[in-house]
PDB file of N, CA and C in Angstrom:
ATOM      1  N   MET A   1      -1.775 -19.974 -32.967  1.00  0.00           N
ATOM      2  CA  MET A   1      -3.086 -20.188 -32.726  1.00  0.00           C
ATOM      3  C   MET A   1      -3.499 -19.691 -31.146  1.00  0.00           C
ATOM      4  N   LYS A   2      -4.347 -18.760 -31.460  1.00  0.00           N
ATOM      5  CA  LYS A   2      -4.928 -17.938 -30.024  1.00  0.00           C
ATOM      6  C   LYS A   2      -5.866 -18.927 -29.256  1.00  0.00           C
ATOM      7  N   SER A   3      -5.722 -19.056 -27.647  1.00  0.00           N
ATOM      8  CA  SER A   3      -6.628 -19.786 -27.069  1.00  0.00           C
ATOM      9  C   SER A   3      -7.809 -18.922 -26.837  1.00  0.00           C
ATOM     10  N   LYS A   4      -8.978 -19.747 -26.945  1.00  0.00           N
ATOM     11  CA  LYS A   4     -10.327 -19.643 -26.838  1.00  0.00           C
ATOM     12  C   LYS A   4     -10.328 -19.231 -25.448  1.00  0.00           C
ATOM     13  N   ASN A   5      -9.525 -19.616 -24.532  1.00  0.00           N
ATOM     14  CA  ASN A   5      -9.985 -19.405 -23.048  1.00  0.00           C
ATOM     15  C   ASN A   5      -9.152 -18.347 -22.350  1.00  0.00           C
ATOM     16  N   THR A   6      -8.314 -17.461 -23.111  1.00  0.00           N
ATOM     17  CA  THR A   6      -7.577 -16.459 -22.454  1.00  0.00           C
ATOM     18  C   THR A   6      -8.506 -15.291 -21.988  1.00  0.00           C
ATOM     19  N   LYS A   7      -8.192 -14.867 -20.638  1.00  0.00           N
ATOM     20  CA  LYS A   7      -9.016 -14.213 -19.734  1.00  0.00           C
ATOM     21  C   LYS A   7      -8.196 -12.886 -19.621  1.00  0.00           C
ATOM     22  N   LYS A   8      -8.738 -11.631 -19.836  1.00  0.00           N
ATOM     23  CA  LYS A   8      -7.737 -10.448 -19.562  1.00  0.00           C
ATOM     24  C   LYS A   8      -8.022 -10.149 -18.215  1.00  0.00           C
ATOM     25  N   ILE A   9      -6.986  -9.849 -17.659  1.00  0.00           N
ATOM     26  CA  ILE A   9      -6.221  -9.617 -16.241  1.00  0.00           C
ATOM     27  C   ILE A   9      -6.931  -8.270 -15.860  1.00  0.00           C
ATOM     28  N   LYS A  10      -7.934  -8.237 -14.659  1.00  0.00           N
ATOM     29  CA  LYS A  10      -8.184  -6.950 -14.383  1.00  0.00           C
ATOM     30  C   LYS A  10      -7.419  -6.388 -12.845  1.00  0.00           C
ATOM     31  N   SER A  11      -7.468  -5.531 -12.757  1.00  0.00           N
ATOM     32  CA  SER A  11      -6.969  -4.857 -11.431  1.00  0.00           C
ATOM     33  C   SER A  11      -8.137  -3.621 -10.832  1.00  0.00           C
ATOM     34  N   ASP A  12      -7.958  -3.850  -9.525  1.00  0.00           N
ATOM     35  CA  ASP A  12      -8.931  -2.784  -8.731  1.00  0.00           C
ATOM     36  C   ASP A  12      -8.257  -1.949  -8.561  1.00  0.00           C
ATOM     37  N   LYS A  13      -6.495  -1.419  -8.736  1.00  0.00           N
ATOM     38  CA  LYS A  13      -5.548  -0.512  -8.215  1.00  0.00           C
ATOM     39  C   LYS A  13      -5.720  -0.206  -6.914  1.00  0.00           C
ATOM     40  N   THR A  14      -5.803  -1.137  -6.112  1.00  0.00           N
ATOM     41  CA  THR A  14      -6.201  -0.895  -4.690  1.00  0.00           C
ATOM     42  C   THR A  14      -4.999  -1.870  -3.778  1.00  0.00           C
ATOM     43  N   VAL A  15      -4.508  -1.290  -2.562  1.00  0.00           N
ATOM     44  CA  VAL A  15      -3.418  -1.941  -1.648  1.00  0.00           C
ATOM     45  C   VAL A  15      -4.869  -2.371  -0.453  1.00  0.00           C
ATOM     46  N   ARG A  16      -4.657  -3.303  -0.395  1.00  0.00           N
ATOM     47  CA  ARG A  16      -5.367  -4.273   0.751  1.00  0.00           C
ATOM     48  C   ARG A  16      -4.592  -4.555   1.842  1.00  0.00           C
ATOM     49  N   VAL A  17      -5.162  -4.337   3.254  1.00  0.00           N
ATOM     50  CA  VAL A  17      -4.477  -5.018   4.468  1.00  0.00           C
ATOM     51  C   VAL A  17      -5.571  -6.225   4.830  1.00  0.00           C
ATOM     52  N   TRP A  18      -5.114  -7.254   4.839  1.00  0.00           N
ATOM     53  CA  TRP A  18      -5.729  -8.651   5.157  1.00  0.00           C
ATOM     54  C   TRP A  18      -5.774  -9.076   6.974  1.00  0.00           C
ATOM     55  N   ASP A  19      -6.396  -9.142   7.695  1.00  0.00           N
ATOM     56  CA  ASP A  19      -6.167 -10.254   9.021  1.00  0.00           C
ATOM     57  C   ASP A  19      -6.181 -11.622   8.453  1.00  0.00           C
ATOM     58  N   VAL A  20      -5.067 -12.281   8.386  1.00  0.00           N
ATOM     59  CA  VAL A  20      -5.053 -13.641   7.894  1.00  0.00           C
ATOM     60  C   VAL A  20      -5.131 -14.613   8.523  1.00  0.00           C
ATOM     61  N   ASP A  21      -5.477 -14.382  10.255  1.00  0.00           N
ATOM     62  CA  ASP A  21      -6.213 -15.197  11.220  1.00  0.00           C
ATOM     63  C   ASP A  21      -7.561 -15.529  10.854  1.00  0.00           C
ATOM     64  N   ASN A  22      -8.335 -14.462  10.832  1.00  0.00           N
ATOM     65  CA  ASN A  22      -9.674 -13.965  10.655  1.00  0.00           C
ATOM     66  C   ASN A  22     -10.431 -14.073   8.940  1.00  0.00           C
ATOM     67  N   ASN A  23      -9.293 -13.852   7.888  1.00  0.00           N
ATOM     68  CA  ASN A  23      -9.650 -13.879   6.566  1.00  0.00           C
ATOM     69  C   ASN A  23     -10.630 -12.743   6.376  1.00  0.00           C
ATOM     70  N   LYS A  24      -9.903 -11.453   7.263  1.00  0.00           N
ATOM     71  CA  LYS A  24     -11.050 -10.283   6.711  1.00  0.00           C
ATOM     72  C   LYS A  24     -10.231  -9.045   6.505  1.00  0.00           C
ATOM     73  N   GLN A  25     -10.484  -8.298   5.593  1.00  0.00           N
ATOM     74  CA  GLN A  25      -9.909  -7.275   5.228  1.00  0.00           C
ATOM     75  C   GLN A  25      -9.895  -6.154   5.966  1.00  0.00           C
ATOM     76  N   ILE A  26      -9.071  -5.345   6.470  1.00  0.00           N
ATOM     77  CA  ILE A  26      -8.750  -4.505   7.437  1.00  0.00           C
ATOM     78  C   ILE A  26      -8.891  -3.121   6.594  1.00  0.00           C
ATOM     79  N   GLN A  27      -8.107  -2.864   5.624  1.00  0.00           N
ATOM     80  CA  GLN A  27      -7.615  -1.380   5.177  1.00  0.00           C
ATOM     81  C   GLN A  27      -7.918  -1.910   3.837  1.00  0.00           C
ATOM     82  N   SER A  28      -8.454  -0.496   2.907  1.00  0.00           N
ATOM     83  CA  SER A  28      -7.943  -0.694   1.428  1.00  0.00           C
ATOM     84  C   SER A  28      -7.605   0.840   1.014  1.00  0.00           C
ATOM     85  N   PHE A  29      -6.886   0.710   0.221  1.00  0.00           N
ATOM     86  CA  PHE A  29      -6.111   2.112   0.187  1.00  0.00           C
ATOM     87  C   PHE A  29      -6.194   2.274  -1.658  1.00  0.00           C
ATOM     88  N   LYS A  30      -6.908   3.254  -1.894  1.00  0.00           N
ATOM     89  CA  LYS A  30      -7.416   3.531  -3.427  1.00  0.00           C
ATOM     90  C   LYS A  30      -6.589   5.093  -3.932  1.00  0.00           C
ATOM     91  N   GLY A  31      -5.995   5.148  -4.857  1.00  0.00           N
ATOM     92  CA  GLY A  31      -5.276   5.907  -5.442  1.00  0.00           C
ATOM     93  C   GLY A  31      -4.637   6.096  -6.526  1.00  0.00           C
ATOM     94  N   HIS A  32      -4.181   4.496  -6.826  1.00  0.00           N
ATOM     95  CA  HIS A  32      -3.374   4.215  -8.127  1.00  0.00           C
ATOM     96  C   HIS A  32      -4.500   4.314  -9.132  1.00  0.00           C
ATOM     97  N   THR A  33      -3.811   4.449 -10.186  1.00  0.00           N
ATOM     98  CA  THR A  33      -4.468   4.454 -11.657  1.00  0.00           C
ATOM     99  C   THR A  33      -4.265   3.018 -12.523  1.00  0.00           C
ATOM    100  N   ASP A  34      -3.466   2.284 -12.044  1.00  0.00           N
ATOM    101  CA  ASP A  34      -3.162   1.054 -12.928  1.00  0.00           C
ATOM    102  C   ASP A  34      -2.819   0.021 -11.832  1.00  0.00           C
ATOM    103  N   PHE A  35      -2.352  -1.092 -12.398  1.00  0.00           N
ATOM    104  CA  PHE A  35      -1.990  -2.126 -11.738  1.00  0.00           C
ATOM    105  C   PHE A  35      -1.080  -1.821 -10.542  1.00  0.00           C
ATOM    106  N   VAL A  36      -1.066  -2.344  -9.188  1.00  0.00           N
ATOM    107  CA  VAL A  36      -0.375  -2.228  -8.146  1.00  0.00           C
ATOM    108  C   VAL A  36       0.864  -3.453  -7.997  1.00  0.00           C
ATOM    109  N   TRP A  37       2.143  -3.170  -8.269  1.00  0.00           N
ATOM    110  CA  TRP A  37       2.847  -4.074  -8.368  1.00  0.00           C
ATOM    111  C   TRP A  37       3.987  -4.797  -7.520  1.00  0.00           C
ATOM    112  N   SER A  38       3.927  -3.449  -6.437  1.00  0.00           N
ATOM    113  CA  SER A  38       4.932  -3.752  -5.175  1.00  0.00           C
ATOM    114  C   SER A  38       4.378  -2.930  -4.124  1.00  0.00           C
ATOM    115  N   VAL A  39       4.057  -3.546  -2.906  1.00  0.00           N
ATOM    116  CA  VAL A  39       3.927  -3.243  -1.545  1.00  0.00           C
ATOM    117  C   VAL A  39       4.967  -3.372  -0.744  1.00  0.00           C
ATOM    118  N   LYS A  40       4.996  -2.294   0.487  1.00  0.00           N
ATOM    119  CA  LYS A  40       6.314  -2.980   1.358  1.00  0.00           C
ATOM    120  C   LYS A  40       5.460  -2.087   2.658  1.00  0.00           C
ATOM    121  N   TYR A  41       5.327  -3.042   3.780  1.00  0.00           N
ATOM    122  CA  TYR A  41       5.027  -2.276   5.248  1.00  0.00           C
ATOM    123  C   TYR A  41       6.642  -1.361   5.545  1.00  0.00           C
ATOM    124  N   GLY A  42       6.218  -0.745   6.625  1.00  0.00           N
ATOM    125  CA  GLY A  42       7.330   0.286   7.039  1.00  0.00           C
ATOM    126  C   GLY A  42       7.486  -0.359   8.622  1.00  0.00           C
ATOM    127  N   SER A  43       8.404   0.307   8.577  1.00  0.00           N
ATOM    128  CA  SER A  43       9.117  -0.452  10.154  1.00  0.00           C
ATOM    129  C   SER A  43       9.918   1.052  10.812  1.00  0.00           C
ATOM    130  N   ASN A  44      10.226   0.506  11.809  1.00  0.00           N
ATOM    131  CA  ASN A  44      10.818   1.927  13.164  1.00  0.00           C
ATOM    132  C   ASN A  44       9.833   2.985  13.002  1.00  0.00           C
ATOM    133  N   GLU A  45      10.367   4.266  12.558  1.00  0.00           N
ATOM    134  CA  GLU A  45       9.767   5.459  12.595  1.00  0.00           C
ATOM    135  C   GLU A  45       8.477   5.272  11.932  1.00  0.00           C
ATOM    136  N   LEU A  46       8.542   4.846  10.836  1.00  0.00           N
ATOM    137  CA  LEU A  46       7.383   4.556   9.555  1.00  0.00           C
ATOM    138  C   LEU A  46       6.614   3.530   9.603  1.00  0.00           C
ATOM    139  N   LEU A  47       6.443   2.873  11.117  1.00  0.00           N
ATOM    140  CA  LEU A  47       5.926   1.783  11.226  1.00  0.00           C
ATOM    141  C   LEU A  47       4.540   1.556  10.620  1.00  0.00           C
ATOM    142  N   ASN A  48       3.867   2.709  10.768  1.00  0.00           N
ATOM    143  CA  ASN A  48       2.378   2.489  10.564  1.00  0.00           C
ATOM    144  C   ASN A  48       1.779   3.237   9.045  1.00  0.00           C
ATOM    145  N   THR A  49       3.262   2.919   8.109  1.00  0.00           N
ATOM    146  CA  THR A  49       2.995   3.207   6.806  1.00  0.00           C
ATOM    147  C   THR A  49       3.204   1.950   5.522  1.00  0.00           C
ATOM    148  N   ILE A  50       2.592   2.427   4.415  1.00  0.00           N
ATOM    149  CA  ILE A  50       3.109   1.280   3.293  1.00  0.00           C
ATOM    150  C   ILE A  50       3.306   2.123   2.149  1.00  0.00           C
ATOM    151  N   LEU A  51       4.404   1.622   1.378  1.00  0.00           N
ATOM    152  CA  LEU A  51       4.643   2.051   0.433  1.00  0.00           C
ATOM    153  C   LEU A  51       4.006   1.124  -0.843  1.00  0.00           C
ATOM    154  N   SER A  52       3.696   1.657  -1.894  1.00  0.00           N
ATOM    155  CA  SER A  52       2.976   0.983  -2.993  1.00  0.00           C
ATOM    156  C   SER A  52       3.751   1.756  -4.139  1.00  0.00           C
ATOM    157  N   GLY A  53       4.231   0.319  -5.200  1.00  0.00           N
ATOM    158  CA  GLY A  53       4.464   0.920  -6.598  1.00  0.00           C
ATOM    159  C   GLY A  53       3.486   0.463  -7.585  1.00  0.00           C
ATOM    160  N   SER A  54       3.426   1.176  -8.517  1.00  0.00           N
ATOM    161  CA  SER A  54       2.279   0.737  -9.878  1.00  0.00           C
ATOM    162  C   SER A  54       2.621   1.111 -11.231  1.00  0.00           C
ATOM    163  N   GLN A  55       1.922   0.411 -11.888  1.00  0.00           N
ATOM    164  CA  GLN A  55       2.099   0.667 -13.459  1.00  0.00           C
ATOM    165  C   GLN A  55       1.981   2.287 -14.105  1.00  0.00           C
ATOM    166  N   ASP A  56       1.288   2.782 -13.097  1.00  0.00           N
ATOM    167  CA  ASP A  56       1.120   4.144 -13.416  1.00  0.00           C
ATOM    168  C   ASP A  56       2.120   5.274 -13.536  1.00  0.00           C
ATOM    169  N   ASN A  57       3.302   4.715 -12.869  1.00  0.00           N
ATOM    170  CA  ASN A  57       4.533   5.360 -12.628  1.00  0.00           C
ATOM    171  C   ASN A  57       4.700   5.981 -11.539  1.00  0.00           C
ATOM    172  N   ILE A  58       4.081   5.556 -10.637  1.00  0.00           N
ATOM    173  CA  ILE A  58       4.030   6.375  -9.438  1.00  0.00           C
ATOM    174  C   ILE A  58       4.098   5.518  -7.957  1.00  0.00           C
ATOM    175  N   VAL A  59       4.723   5.979  -6.936  1.00  0.00           N
ATOM    176  CA  VAL A  59       4.934   5.486  -5.972  1.00  0.00           C
ATOM    177  C   VAL A  59       4.020   6.258  -4.748  1.00  0.00           C
ATOM    178  N   CYS A  60       3.284   5.685  -3.727  1.00  0.00           N
ATOM    179  CA  CYS A  60       2.441   6.342  -2.791  1.00  0.00           C
ATOM    180  C   CYS A  60       3.035   5.959  -1.645  1.00  0.00           C
ATOM    181  N   LEU A  61       2.903   6.849  -0.807  1.00  0.00           N
ATOM    182  CA  LEU A  61       3.229   6.348   0.854  1.00  0.00           C
ATOM    183  C   LEU A  61       1.550   6.530   1.491  1.00  0.00           C
ATOM    184  N   TRP A  62       1.447   5.762   2.131  1.00  0.00           N
ATOM    185  CA  TRP A  62      -0.071   5.425   2.719  1.00  0.00           C
ATOM    186  C   TRP A  62      -0.046   5.691   4.608  1.00  0.00           C
ATOM    187  N   ASP A  63      -0.690   6.142   5.267  1.00  0.00           N
ATOM    188  CA  ASP A  63      -0.727   6.008   6.789  1.00  0.00           C
ATOM    189  C   ASP A  63      -1.966   4.816   6.869  1.00  0.00           C
ATOM    190  N   ILE A  64      -1.776   3.900   7.583  1.00  0.00           N
ATOM    191  CA  ILE A  64      -2.171   2.291   7.895  1.00  0.00           C
ATOM    192  C   ILE A  64      -3.559   3.070   8.899  1.00  0.00           C
ATOM    193  N   ARG A  65      -3.248   3.607   9.886  1.00  0.00           N
ATOM    194  CA  ARG A  65      -4.054   4.103  11.018  1.00  0.00           C
ATOM    195  C   ARG A  65      -5.178   4.668  10.178  1.00  0.00           C
ATOM    196  N   SER A  66      -5.076   5.846   9.279  1.00  0.00           N
ATOM    197  CA  SER A  66      -5.972   6.591   8.589  1.00  0.00           C
ATOM    198  C   SER A  66      -6.705   6.061   7.471  1.00  0.00           C
ATOM    199  N   GLY A  67      -5.740   5.614   6.769  1.00  0.00           N
ATOM    200  CA  GLY A  67      -6.192   4.746   5.490  1.00  0.00           C
ATOM    201  C   GLY A  67      -5.883   5.896   4.484  1.00  0.00           C
ATOM    202  N   GLU A  68      -5.068   7.055   4.896  1.00  0.00           N
ATOM    203  CA  GLU A  68      -5.161   8.193   3.843  1.00  0.00           C
ATOM    204  C   GLU A  68      -3.922   8.292   2.807  1.00  0.00           C
ATOM    205  N   GLN A  69      -3.769   8.917   1.990  1.00  0.00           N
ATOM    206  CA  GLN A  69      -2.521   8.721   1.174  1.00  0.00           C
ATOM    207  C   GLN A  69      -1.744   9.928   1.935  1.00  0.00           C
ATOM    208  N   ILE A  70      -0.474   9.896   2.339  1.00  0.00           N
ATOM    209  CA  ILE A  70       0.451  10.670   2.460  1.00  0.00           C
ATOM    210  C   ILE A  70       1.144  11.463   1.635  1.00  0.00           C
ATOM    211  N   GLN A  71       2.001  11.100   0.728  1.00  0.00           N
ATOM    212  CA  GLN A  71       3.024  11.470  -0.155  1.00  0.00           C
ATOM    213  C   GLN A  71       2.536  10.709  -1.528  1.00  0.00           C
ATOM    214  N   VAL A  72       2.810  11.340  -2.764  1.00  0.00           N
ATOM    215  CA  VAL A  72       2.996  10.629  -4.077  1.00  0.00           C
ATOM    216  C   VAL A  72       4.286  11.113  -4.546  1.00  0.00           C
ATOM    217  N   PHE A  73       4.986   9.816  -5.184  1.00  0.00           N
ATOM    218  CA  PHE A  73       6.275  10.631  -5.581  1.00  0.00           C
ATOM    219  C   PHE A  73       6.399   9.588  -7.085  1.00  0.00           C
ATOM    220  N   ASN A  74       6.626  10.768  -7.549  1.00  0.00           N
ATOM    221  CA  ASN A  74       6.455  10.750  -9.428  1.00  0.00           C
ATOM    222  C   ASN A  74       8.023  10.909  -9.378  1.00  0.00           C
ATOM    223  N   GLY A  75       8.364  10.871 -11.091  1.00  0.00           N
ATOM    224  CA  GLY A  75       9.529  10.854 -11.549  1.00  0.00           C
ATOM    225  C   GLY A  75       9.769   9.689 -12.525  1.00  0.00           C
ATOM    226  N   HIS A  76       9.354   8.630 -12.417  1.00  0.00           N
ATOM    227  CA  HIS A  76       9.600   7.417 -13.007  1.00  0.00           C
ATOM    228  C   HIS A  76       8.977   7.682 -14.592  1.00  0.00           C
ATOM    229  N   THR A  77       9.325   7.211 -15.667  1.00  0.00           N
ATOM    230  CA  THR A  77       8.621   7.233 -17.087  1.00  0.00           C
ATOM    231  C   THR A  77       7.973   5.890 -17.242  1.00  0.00           C
ATOM    232  N   ASN A  78       8.333   5.025 -16.089  1.00  0.00           N
ATOM    233  CA  ASN A  78       7.781   3.523 -16.659  1.00  0.00           C
ATOM    234  C   ASN A  78       7.360   2.670 -15.256  1.00  0.00           C
ATOM    235  N   ILE A  79       6.565   1.717 -15.629  1.00  0.00           N
ATOM    236  CA  ILE A  79       6.115   0.922 -14.212  1.00  0.00           C
ATOM    237  C   ILE A  79       7.146   0.801 -13.357  1.00  0.00           C
ATOM    238  N   VAL A  80       6.866   0.938 -12.058  1.00  0.00           N
ATOM    239  CA  VAL A  80       7.724   1.019 -10.749  1.00  0.00           C
ATOM    240  C   VAL A  80       7.435  -0.408 -10.374  1.00  0.00           C
ATOM    241  N   TRP A  81       8.266  -1.376 -10.392  1.00  0.00           N
ATOM    242  CA  TRP A  81       8.479  -2.606 -10.082  1.00  0.00           C
ATOM    243  C   TRP A  81       8.610  -3.188  -8.825  1.00  0.00           C
ATOM    244  N   SER A  82       9.346  -2.412  -8.088  1.00  0.00           N
ATOM    245  CA  SER A  82      10.131  -2.375  -6.413  1.00  0.00           C
ATOM    246  C   SER A  82      10.010  -1.017  -5.727  1.00  0.00           C
ATOM    247  N   VAL A  83       9.395  -1.268  -4.661  1.00  0.00           N
ATOM    248  CA  VAL A  83       9.598  -0.254  -3.486  1.00  0.00           C
ATOM    249  C   VAL A  83      10.517  -0.670  -2.428  1.00  0.00           C
ATOM    250  N   GLU A  84      10.696   0.109  -1.484  1.00  0.00           N
ATOM    251  CA  GLU A  84      11.931  -0.544  -0.282  1.00  0.00           C
ATOM    252  C   GLU A  84      11.958   0.859   0.417  1.00  0.00           C
ATOM    253  N   TYR A  85      11.803   0.467   1.784  1.00  0.00           N
ATOM    254  CA  TYR A  85      12.538   1.818   2.755  1.00  0.00           C
ATOM    255  C   TYR A  85      13.862   1.154   2.794  1.00  0.00           C
ATOM    256  N   SER A  86      14.531   2.252   3.161  1.00  0.00           N
ATOM    257  CA  SER A  86      15.901   2.243   2.980  1.00  0.00           C
ATOM    258  C   SER A  86      16.572   1.751   4.439  1.00  0.00           C
ATOM    259  N   PRO A  87      17.540   1.263   4.694  1.00  0.00           N
ATOM    260  CA  PRO A  87      18.034   1.096   6.047  1.00  0.00           C
ATOM    261  C   PRO A  87      18.614   2.185   6.663  1.00  0.00           C
ATOM    262  N   PHE A  88      19.212   2.900   5.790  1.00  0.00           N
ATOM    263  CA  PHE A  88      19.760   4.094   5.676  1.00  0.00           C
ATOM    264  C   PHE A  88      19.199   5.196   6.468  1.00  0.00           C
ATOM    265  N   VAL A  89      19.660   6.134   7.651  1.00  0.00           N
ATOM    266  CA  VAL A  89      19.054   7.397   8.008  1.00  0.00           C
ATOM    267  C   VAL A  89      20.025   8.258   8.006  1.00  0.00           C
ATOM    268  N   ILE A  90      19.707   9.445   7.181  1.00  0.00           N
ATOM    269  CA  ILE A  90      20.390  10.522   7.110  1.00  0.00           C
ATOM    270  C   ILE A  90      20.373  11.623   8.342  1.00  0.00           C
ATOM    271  N   LYS A  91      21.506  11.502   9.117  1.00  0.00           N
ATOM    272  CA  LYS A  91      21.275  12.675  10.099  1.00  0.00           C
ATOM    273  C   LYS A  91      21.570  13.777   9.686  1.00  0.00           C
ATOM    274  N   SER A  92      21.133  15.337  10.219  1.00  0.00           N
ATOM    275  CA  SER A  92      21.414  16.346  10.153  1.00  0.00           C
ATOM    276  C   SER A  92      21.362  17.331  10.739  1.00  0.00           C
ATOM    277  N   SER A  93      21.625  18.466  11.189  1.00  0.00           N
ATOM    278  CA  SER A  93      22.226  18.928  12.386  1.00  0.00           C
ATOM    279  C   SER A  93      20.386  19.252  12.711  1.00  0.00           C
ATOM    280  N   SER A  94      19.447  19.522  11.638  1.00  0.00           N
ATOM    281  CA  SER A  94      18.052  19.622  12.277  1.00  0.00           C
ATOM    282  C   SER A  94      17.194  18.408  12.502  1.00  0.00           C
ATOM    283  N   ASP A  95      17.354  17.264  11.720  1.00  0.00           N
ATOM    284  CA  ASP A  95      16.422  16.271  11.769  1.00  0.00           C
ATOM    285  C   ASP A  95      17.172  15.239  11.359  1.00  0.00           C
ATOM    286  N   ASN A  96      16.388  13.783  11.543  1.00  0.00           N
ATOM    287  CA  ASN A  96      16.915  12.966  10.854  1.00  0.00           C
ATOM    288  C   ASN A  96      15.720  12.452   9.752  1.00  0.00           C
ATOM    289  N   SER A  97      16.585  12.014   8.391  1.00  0.00           N
ATOM    290  CA  SER A  97      15.652  12.063   7.068  1.00  0.00           C
ATOM    291  C   SER A  97      15.782  10.467   6.972  1.00  0.00           C
ATOM    292  N   ASN A  98      14.086   9.921   6.787  1.00  0.00           N
ATOM    293  CA  ASN A  98      13.777   8.767   6.293  1.00  0.00           C
ATOM    294  C   ASN A  98      14.169   8.581   4.570  1.00  0.00           C
ATOM    295  N   VAL A  99      14.637   7.511   3.927  1.00  0.00           N
ATOM    296  CA  VAL A  99      14.852   7.425   2.697  1.00  0.00           C
ATOM    297  C   VAL A  99      14.134   6.266   2.048  1.00  0.00           C
ATOM    298  N   ILE A 100      13.498   6.534   0.912  1.00  0.00           N
ATOM    299  CA  ILE A 100      12.794   5.313   0.401  1.00  0.00           C
ATOM    300  C   ILE A 100      13.600   5.180  -1.318  1.00  0.00           C
ATOM    301  N   CYS A 101      13.502   3.965  -1.522  1.00  0.00           N
ATOM    302  CA  CYS A 101      13.878   4.024  -2.705  1.00  0.00           C
ATOM    303  C   CYS A 101      13.100   2.923  -3.641  1.00  0.00           C
ATOM    304  N   PHE A 102      13.171   3.237  -5.068  1.00  0.00           N
ATOM    305  CA  PHE A 102      12.010   2.362  -5.986  1.00  0.00           C
ATOM    306  C   PHE A 102      13.124   2.517  -7.514  1.00  0.00           C
ATOM    307  N   GLY A 103      12.642   0.923  -7.841  1.00  0.00           N
ATOM    308  CA  GLY A 103      13.078   0.795  -9.100  1.00  0.00           C
ATOM    309  C   GLY A 103      11.941   0.513 -10.070  1.00  0.00           C
ATOM    310  N   SER A 104      12.327   0.790 -11.641  1.00  0.00           N
ATOM    311  CA  SER A 104      11.342   1.154 -12.359  1.00  0.00           C
ATOM    312  C   SER A 104      11.820   0.498 -13.903  1.00  0.00           C
ATOM    313  N   ALA A 105      10.827  -0.023 -14.371  1.00  0.00           N
ATOM    314  CA  ALA A 105      10.996  -0.347 -15.985  1.00  0.00           C
ATOM    315  C   ALA A 105      11.547   0.246 -16.873  1.00  0.00           C
ATOM    316  N   ASP A 106      11.811   1.738 -16.326  1.00  0.00           N
ATOM    317  CA  ASP A 106      12.690   2.670 -16.992  1.00  0.00           C
ATOM    318  C   ASP A 106      14.080   2.911 -16.787  1.00  0.00           C
ATOM    319  N   ASN A 107      14.705   1.597 -16.204  1.00  0.00           N
ATOM    320  CA  ASN A 107      15.827   1.483 -15.838  1.00  0.00           C
ATOM    321  C   ASN A 107      16.597   2.289 -14.800  1.00  0.00           C
ATOM    322  N   THR A 108      16.063   2.782 -14.159  1.00  0.00           N
ATOM    323  CA  THR A 108      16.268   3.707 -13.134  1.00  0.00           C
ATOM    324  C   THR A 108      16.028   3.261 -11.501  1.00  0.00           C
ATOM    325  N   ILE A 109      16.674   3.733 -10.458  1.00  0.00           N
ATOM    326  CA  ILE A 109      16.510   3.486  -9.376  1.00  0.00           C
ATOM    327  C   ILE A 109      16.336   5.103  -8.728  1.00  0.00           C
ATOM    328  N   HIS A 110      15.367   5.198  -7.962  1.00  0.00           N
ATOM    329  CA  HIS A 110      15.166   6.213  -7.410  1.00  0.00           C
ATOM    330  C   HIS A 110      15.407   6.650  -5.776  1.00  0.00           C
ATOM    331  N   PHE A 111      15.832   7.343  -5.404  1.00  0.00           N
ATOM    332  CA  PHE A 111      16.073   7.660  -3.576  1.00  0.00           C
ATOM    333  C   PHE A 111      15.369   8.877  -3.403  1.00  0.00           C
ATOM    334  N   TRP A 112      14.427   8.927  -2.435  1.00  0.00           N
ATOM    335  CA  TRP A 112      13.906   9.846  -1.885  1.00  0.00           C
ATOM    336  C   TRP A 112      13.791  10.099  -0.509  1.00  0.00           C
ATOM    337  N   ASP A 113      14.036  11.386   0.317  1.00  0.00           N
ATOM    338  CA  ASP A 113      13.913  11.672   1.353  1.00  0.00           C
ATOM    339  C   ASP A 113      12.581  11.890   1.975  1.00  0.00           C
ATOM    340  N   ILE A 114      11.901  11.291   2.483  1.00  0.00           N
ATOM    341  CA  ILE A 114      10.537  11.591   2.860  1.00  0.00           C
ATOM    342  C   ILE A 114      10.282  12.490   3.577  1.00  0.00           C
ATOM    343  N   ARG A 115      10.930  13.264   4.566  1.00  0.00           N
ATOM    344  CA  ARG A 115      10.489  14.225   5.220  1.00  0.00           C
ATOM    345  C   ARG A 115      10.997  15.507   4.706  1.00  0.00           C
ATOM    346  N   SER A 116      11.858  15.475   3.679  1.00  0.00           N
ATOM    347  CA  SER A 116      12.141  16.685   3.033  1.00  0.00           C
ATOM    348  C   SER A 116      11.455  16.776   1.392  1.00  0.00           C
ATOM    349  N   ASN A 117      10.855  15.587   0.736  1.00  0.00           N
ATOM    350  CA  ASN A 117      10.296  15.291  -0.141  1.00  0.00           C
ATOM    351  C   ASN A 117      11.055  15.879  -1.371  1.00  0.00           C
ATOM    352  N   LYS A 118      12.628  15.042  -1.185  1.00  0.00           N
ATOM    353  CA  LYS A 118      13.734  15.941  -2.211  1.00  0.00           C
ATOM    354  C   LYS A 118      14.313  14.193  -2.540  1.00  0.00           C
ATOM    355  N   ASN A 119      14.512  14.247  -4.119  1.00  0.00           N
ATOM    356  CA  ASN A 119      15.156  13.158  -4.907  1.00  0.00           C
ATOM    357  C   ASN A 119      16.368  14.056  -5.211  1.00  0.00           C
ATOM    358  N   GLU A 120      16.823  13.966  -4.058  1.00  0.00           N
ATOM    359  CA  GLU A 120      18.451  14.387  -4.062  1.00  0.00           C
ATOM    360  C   GLU A 120      19.685  13.579  -3.869  1.00  0.00           C
ATOM    361  N   LEU A 121      19.355  12.161  -3.410  1.00  0.00           N
ATOM    362  CA  LEU A 121      20.418  11.432  -2.460  1.00  0.00           C
ATOM    363  C   LEU A 121      20.994  10.832  -4.200  1.00  0.00           C
TER     364      LEU A 121
END
């Protein structure tokens, strides 16, 4: 028997940063087209960034200071459940690379080099 009190869950498809002391929204990031399931703050060189993973199968990298979307990472064929900044830094002769990884309901984990925008790791 179906309950009469079932509510459809709605999503505004945004990532929001809040000042918890003042209970005020500081920043809002719009760009996903479906539920946002995971969010992660950056650290070290990526301190002013946020990663977000969504039911729209994409991962977005955001600049906290400007509120702008820096990069979009495609490649998954299902919901992105988790996003993470990797603690690994790949050193090359020209530059260091920052790596992010994300896991999806398509049973894959992708590793990306943010600086070169390559999924070759």
